[in-house]
Protein backbone atom coordinates (compact mmCIF):
# COMPACT_ATOMS: atom_id res chain seq x y z
CA MET A 1 -0.06 -0.02 0.01
CA THR A 2 1.27 3.43 -1.01
CA VAL A 3 1.34 6.12 1.68
CA THR A 4 0.96 9.61 0.38
CA THR A 5 2.86 12.74 1.56
CA ILE A 6 -0.27 14.03 3.41
CA GLU A 7 -0.67 10.92 5.21
CA LEU A 8 3.00 11.07 6.38
CA LYS A 9 2.50 14.63 7.43
CA ILE A 10 -0.59 13.89 9.36
CA SER A 11 1.01 10.79 10.95
CA ASP A 12 4.13 12.84 12.03
CA ILE A 13 1.93 15.42 13.70
CA LEU A 14 -0.35 13.02 15.46
CA ASP A 15 2.51 10.74 16.68
CA ASP A 16 4.71 13.46 17.89
CA PRO A 17 4.73 13.13 21.71
CA ALA A 18 6.50 16.49 22.13
CA LEU A 19 3.48 18.38 20.52
CA PRO A 20 0.65 19.31 22.92
CA LYS A 21 -2.89 18.83 21.49
CA GLU A 22 -3.32 22.48 20.75
CA LYS A 23 -0.22 22.54 18.63
CA LYS A 24 -1.19 19.30 16.74
CA ILE A 25 -4.63 21.01 15.98
CA ALA A 26 -3.00 24.24 14.84
CA LYS A 27 -0.64 22.23 12.44
CA LEU A 28 -3.47 20.21 11.15
CA GLN A 29 -5.57 23.30 10.52
CA LYS A 30 -2.71 24.63 8.59
CA LEU A 31 -2.69 21.55 6.40
CA GLU A 32 -6.41 21.76 6.11
CA GLU A 33 -6.06 25.28 4.73
CA GLU A 34 -3.54 24.17 2.19
CA ALA A 35 -5.71 21.20 1.03
CA ARG A 36 -8.67 23.48 0.64
CA ALA A 37 -6.63 26.00 -1.48
CA LEU A 38 -5.28 23.29 -3.66
CA GLN A 39 -8.83 21.75 -3.99
CA ARG A 40 -10.19 25.18 -4.95
CA ALA A 41 -7.50 25.79 -7.44
CA ALA A 42 -8.12 22.30 -9.09
CA THR A 43 -11.88 23.04 -9.43
CA GLU A 44 -11.21 26.49 -10.95
CA SER A 45 -8.89 25.11 -13.59
CA PRO A 46 -10.30 24.72 -17.09
CA MET A 47 -9.31 20.98 -16.95
CA VAL A 48 -10.94 19.93 -13.79
CA ASP A 49 -9.27 16.87 -12.42
CA ASP A 50 -9.39 16.03 -8.63
CA ASP A 51 -5.81 14.77 -8.46
CA GLY A 52 -6.57 13.55 -4.99
CA TRP A 53 -7.12 16.92 -3.33
CA GLN A 54 -10.50 15.98 -2.05
CA SER A 55 -9.07 12.83 -0.44
CA ASP A 56 -6.23 14.72 1.12
CA LEU A 57 -8.68 17.24 2.68
CA ARG A 58 -10.75 14.43 3.94
CA LEU A 59 -7.70 12.90 5.64
CA VAL A 60 -6.80 16.02 7.37
CA GLU A 61 -10.41 16.59 8.57
CA LYS A 62 -10.51 12.90 9.96
CA ALA A 63 -7.18 13.67 11.94
CA LEU A 64 -8.78 16.77 13.33
CA GLY A 65 -11.82 14.84 14.28
CA ARG A 66 -9.52 12.26 16.12
CA LEU A 67 -8.39 15.22 18.27
CA GLY A 68 -11.95 16.32 18.99
CA GLU A 69 -11.82 19.36 16.60
CA ASP A 70 -15.02 20.37 14.65
CA THR A 71 -14.17 20.50 11.01
CA THR A 72 -17.58 21.78 9.77
CA LYS A 73 -17.00 25.19 8.11
CA THR A 74 -19.52 27.95 7.69
CA GLY A 75 -19.13 30.48 5.01
CA ALA A 76 -21.00 33.41 3.73
CA ALA A 77 -23.48 31.18 1.74
CA THR A 78 -24.52 29.32 4.91
CA LEU A 79 -25.23 32.31 7.01
């Protein structure tokens, strides 16, 4: 089974005993922002191809959920 870069990053964050929970959440939120940006860029491209961005985002959200962090986002359209 092939492990992706995002999976390695998530694993490194979650498995780091020196990082307190708050820092793990902050690092994962940064990864989440990056994954969302990449996903957004991919969908705005004339040649829409997921390239795994959706699954990367899902993996980060699952990791945040494991730490008890709510990953539901509200935007202007949902207010």
